[in-house]
Amino acid sequence: MNENRPKNIETYRRAIEIQRIGNRAVRKAQEENRRRGIPNAYSRNGKLYFELPDGKLTDKNPFE
């Protein structure tokens, strides 16, 4: 038996739906921040990065 295979297909479908809803909410928040001129913050491999309103990426905290 494959250990990675979902035991219940309905559980898998619900997880995919929850992920879709979460992704949509994140995109909406990012768009709103861009409209309002607020930097978006991201974490990658434990390091913080910021997307400035002009689209530039930086590791310098613009909130300090």
Protein backbone atom coordinates (compact mmCIF):
# COMPACT_ATOMS: atom_id res chain seq x y z
CA MET A 1 0.00 0.00 0.00
CA ASN A 2 1.31 3.46 -0.93
CA GLU A 3 1.90 5.51 2.25
CA ASN A 4 1.39 8.83 0.39
CA ARG A 5 -2.03 7.89 -0.98
CA PRO A 6 -4.95 9.60 0.80
CA LYS A 7 -7.00 7.14 2.84
CA ASN A 8 -10.21 9.01 2.16
CA ILE A 9 -10.75 10.80 -1.16
CA GLU A 10 -13.27 13.18 0.43
CA THR A 11 -10.65 14.32 2.96
CA TYR A 12 -8.27 14.95 0.07
CA ARG A 13 -10.91 16.95 -1.85
CA ARG A 14 -11.69 19.08 1.21
CA ALA A 15 -8.00 19.77 1.75
CA ILE A 16 -7.64 20.92 -1.87
CA GLU A 17 -10.68 23.20 -1.48
CA ILE A 18 -9.31 24.72 1.74
CA GLN A 19 -5.98 25.34 0.02
CA ARG A 20 -7.76 27.00 -2.92
CA ILE A 21 -9.69 29.31 -0.57
CA GLY A 22 -6.50 30.20 1.30
CA ASN A 23 -4.59 30.93 -1.91
CA ARG A 24 -7.40 33.18 -3.12
CA ALA A 25 -7.39 35.10 0.19
CA VAL A 26 -3.61 35.60 0.01
CA ARG A 27 -3.81 36.93 -3.57
CA LYS A 28 -6.59 39.31 -2.58
CA ALA A 29 -4.57 40.63 0.39
CA GLN A 30 -1.47 41.08 -1.81
CA GLU A 31 -3.48 43.04 -4.39
CA GLU A 32 -5.02 45.23 -1.70
CA ASN A 33 -1.59 45.96 -0.20
CA ARG A 34 -0.28 46.97 -3.64
CA ARG A 35 -3.24 49.32 -4.19
CA ARG A 36 -2.68 50.90 -0.77
CA GLY A 37 1.11 51.16 -1.19
CA ILE A 38 1.88 48.70 1.61
CA PRO A 39 4.83 46.30 1.16
CA ASN A 40 4.06 42.57 1.03
CA ALA A 41 6.19 40.39 3.31
CA TYR A 42 7.32 36.88 2.37
CA SER A 43 9.39 34.22 4.10
CA ARG A 44 11.59 31.84 2.14
CA ASN A 45 13.82 29.31 3.89
CA GLY A 46 13.40 31.25 7.14
CA LYS A 47 14.50 34.61 5.64
CA LEU A 48 12.15 37.58 5.29
CA TYR A 49 11.77 39.42 1.99
CA PHE A 50 9.63 42.41 1.15
CA GLU A 51 7.96 43.35 -2.11
CA LEU A 52 7.82 47.14 -2.21
CA PRO A 53 4.92 48.99 -3.84
CA ASP A 54 7.06 49.60 -6.95
CA GLY A 55 7.57 45.82 -7.32
CA LYS A 56 11.18 45.80 -6.10
CA LEU A 57 12.19 42.93 -3.79
CA THR A 58 14.43 43.58 -0.79
CA ASP A 59 15.53 41.93 2.44
CA LYS A 60 15.58 45.32 4.22
CA ASN A 61 12.59 45.83 6.51
CA PRO A 62 10.69 48.89 5.20
CA PHE A 63 8.66 49.09 8.43
CA GLU A 64 11.63 50.00 10.65
